[in-house]
Amino acid sequence: MKPLRELREEKHLKEQYKDFVNSFVGPIPIDKFLVKLLPSQTLPELGHINFGKVAQAKTSEAACRALMQAGGHFCPNFKFTHISSTINDDIVQGLRPHVACYRKHTSRIREPADDWQAMEMFVVIGDKDEEDPWNVDPNTKPSQQDPTWRGRTRAITYATAQFLHQMRVFAFSLAIYGPCARLFLWDHSAVLVSEAFDYVAYPEFMVAFLHRFNGLGPAERGWDPTVEPAVYAEAGMLTSAIRAYFEDVKAHRMPMLLDVHKTLDKRYPCYKVHLDEAQCGQSCEIIIRRPFVLPRSLMSRSTKGYIGYHLQEKRLVFLKDFWPAEHSQKPLNEIDAYRLLTSHNIPRLPNVLYAGYVSTTEGADQQMLSLHHANGHGRYELAWQRHGEAKERKHLRIAQDIAYPMDYIRNSKQLVSVIRDALTVVQEAARKAKVLHCDISSSNIMLSADGRGILNDWDNVRYAGSADSGPAGTWLFASILTYPGANRRHTVRDDVEACFWVLILQAYRLLEYDQLAETPSVFFMLNDITGKSKRNFLLDRTIEAPHFESAPLNDVILRFRKLLADHHVTISPIKDGTDAITLLDEALRRTDWPEADAHHTALQWEPEVPTDPFSVREYVSGWSAEELDFFNKPEYWQLAASETEPIEISAPIPAVERTDSSTEPTSLQDSQLSSQCVKPQTHSKTRRRGLQEPGESPLPPKRRRLR
């Protein structure tokens, strides 16, 4: 029987693999892969080249040395380095690629952040006698009958980790299994996989890839041109701002964000994100490090949320970086929603500082490179095809004030006030802007710094009454008429009812109630995907509601419940949120609200000030020892504004495109890889001040100071 740890790891890997099912496209003919995805480069004279030692190597380290010896002079700007097989990284689950590709002048790698920031490409080298796991269709769920899924999952894990640690649009990778190799291109729409080619018998394909990759500019290698490395002083500003935030928490001036300390994780590089000046009206730069919100999968919107430092406003902000799908049936995205809502002066929205598309250096919107091949527009047959067309995704960013979860409410009156604020937004958005939120949940109704409610996360917004307004939302809080299979349009009444279910759940989680009363299980009721339990709770008066210590809250729940019940039995159908807002206003005017009836079993709004200024062990219960140890080390708090005390950040990454435009070759000369004798040339590029290639040594300290 397998140990529990192995079973858990296997379950995690299978879940990760399932997210990629129906995302692989291939096997693409190797000549087409080179022609379509890497700009044309005239091949140098091959001469006598032998990759046989790579195929015969018994270890990945020996294969790496043989690869450099045989093909290194065709890729003079880069080096392939064997790296350790394990790393203390919670995202990669203890896995790392065998070989990593770096720029040749990369400084010495000392920290995991240096490693990730400088990595250009990962190389998978199969174990001895390991078969090529890509010989079967990867668009099938992993099973015991197909043991090769583990080999494919290994590449998925490496690519996911690379995108998580780097600011990328796409990435290339190479896999070697004995005498055969494959090329890969990864982005958020699909994974393009080349056919297996024998690089020993036909070395021109491997040489062509190395030589072409050597000539690519940063953006052509997949780097986001709007991001550059943060200099030492800028990294120190982020550290200083996080430290000041915790001082405010100890002084009870700000609520506590549970995982904000992970922002300074030293395993992640520190970047400076440039937001489009044309869209925000001024220069806007944000310093970020580790994502505060991690994406579920690379094959999705891949939403990453950062707590970052706004250089111009000199304060912490929240930055949302994501790749939503673009299609004609959804005319509104989150950026459009915020612009529309702001133009109608809708209250209690997050304070959005910037919302816009991320552009290339040419000014076009960043898009997926794999889309053309994923949708079968290439003039060749593929054995693995997606089921349905791949979604076009565009890169968006939103910067806003930090919002806090409802876990920090002080009492039941504040909870009701927050729900009232959310209902006001729902009501005004539907009445003035004619749009619906369509995803009311406990994670989207949040608190501002002053404790008021705001309605956040408008990425599922729809026009009221539009053709795309089918059932939507988080099913845990969905109205009883919008469950799977319901053939009806989403209405403002569904958002109003969702606010009621959020109220029930948050009251049950955060407030004191009579545990001896015979009340239904709230969590079972909300988790019933059929909606029958919710319907019974609303319509069956014999089912008691949870009884809380707050009498006004009990009255609110009973009246709100009756309002919805009368609506569903058509005694008194509601048109919008007016009646719900009225009953909440009446309750909030009562004077018998308890001052502090929130039990806070998980979090503390007003924690005791710890004796050790660098310890947060007394702050919050429920943190792991590893997480708490982060702040127990004073060196994490040392600022880096001077040359004598630098923050240990890694070498810079690129932020500029290649200046010379490449034309797509159409002749067969490219696929036949012409044997014209040309000396390999290093890539010449135009650089803006302060922006470097990955792995370049930082500028001298005196030139790196902020002025």
Foldseek 3Di string as FASTA:
>chain_A
DDDPVVVVVVVVLLVQLLLAQLFEFDQAALLCCCQQQFFDDFFAFQPDAALQQLLVDQDLQSNQVSCCVRQVQLQVQKHKHADDQADPDPQLSGGEAGIFIFGPQFDDDDALQQVLLGTLEGEHEDHPPDDDLVPDFSNDRDDPVRPSVVVVSNVQSHLLVSVQQAAWQKAKYKYHYRQWIWIWIDAQFHIHIHDIDRCRVPVLSVSSVSNSVLFFWQVSRTHQLQKKAADQQQLLLFLQQVLVVVVCLQVLLFFDDDQQLCFLPQSHFKMKGWDDCVQLVHTWIWITTHFPDAAPHRNAQRWTKTFTAIPVVSHTWIKIKTWHFDDPQFPDFPLNLVVLCVVQVQPQAFAWNGKDARAAPVRHWRKHSCQCSQQPVDPDDGPHHRDDHTTIITIMMIITHDWAAPLQDFFLLLLLQLLLSVQSNLFSCCPRSQKHQQADARVQFTADRVSHTHGHDSRVMHGAPGPSQAQGYDQLLFDLQRFPPRGDGDHQVRVLSSSLLRSLVCCVVWFAFDPPDPADDSNVCSPPRNNPSVLCVLAPPVHDRTGGPFPLSSVLNVVSSPQVNCCVVVVPNDDHCPVNSVSSVVSSPDDRTDRGGTPSPFAYRNFHCDPDSQFCPRGGPDDDPVSRVSSVDCLSSDGRQDPVNGDDRHFMAANHGAPDDGDRDDDCCSSVNDSHRDNRDRHDGDDDPPGDHRSDDHDPPVVSHDD
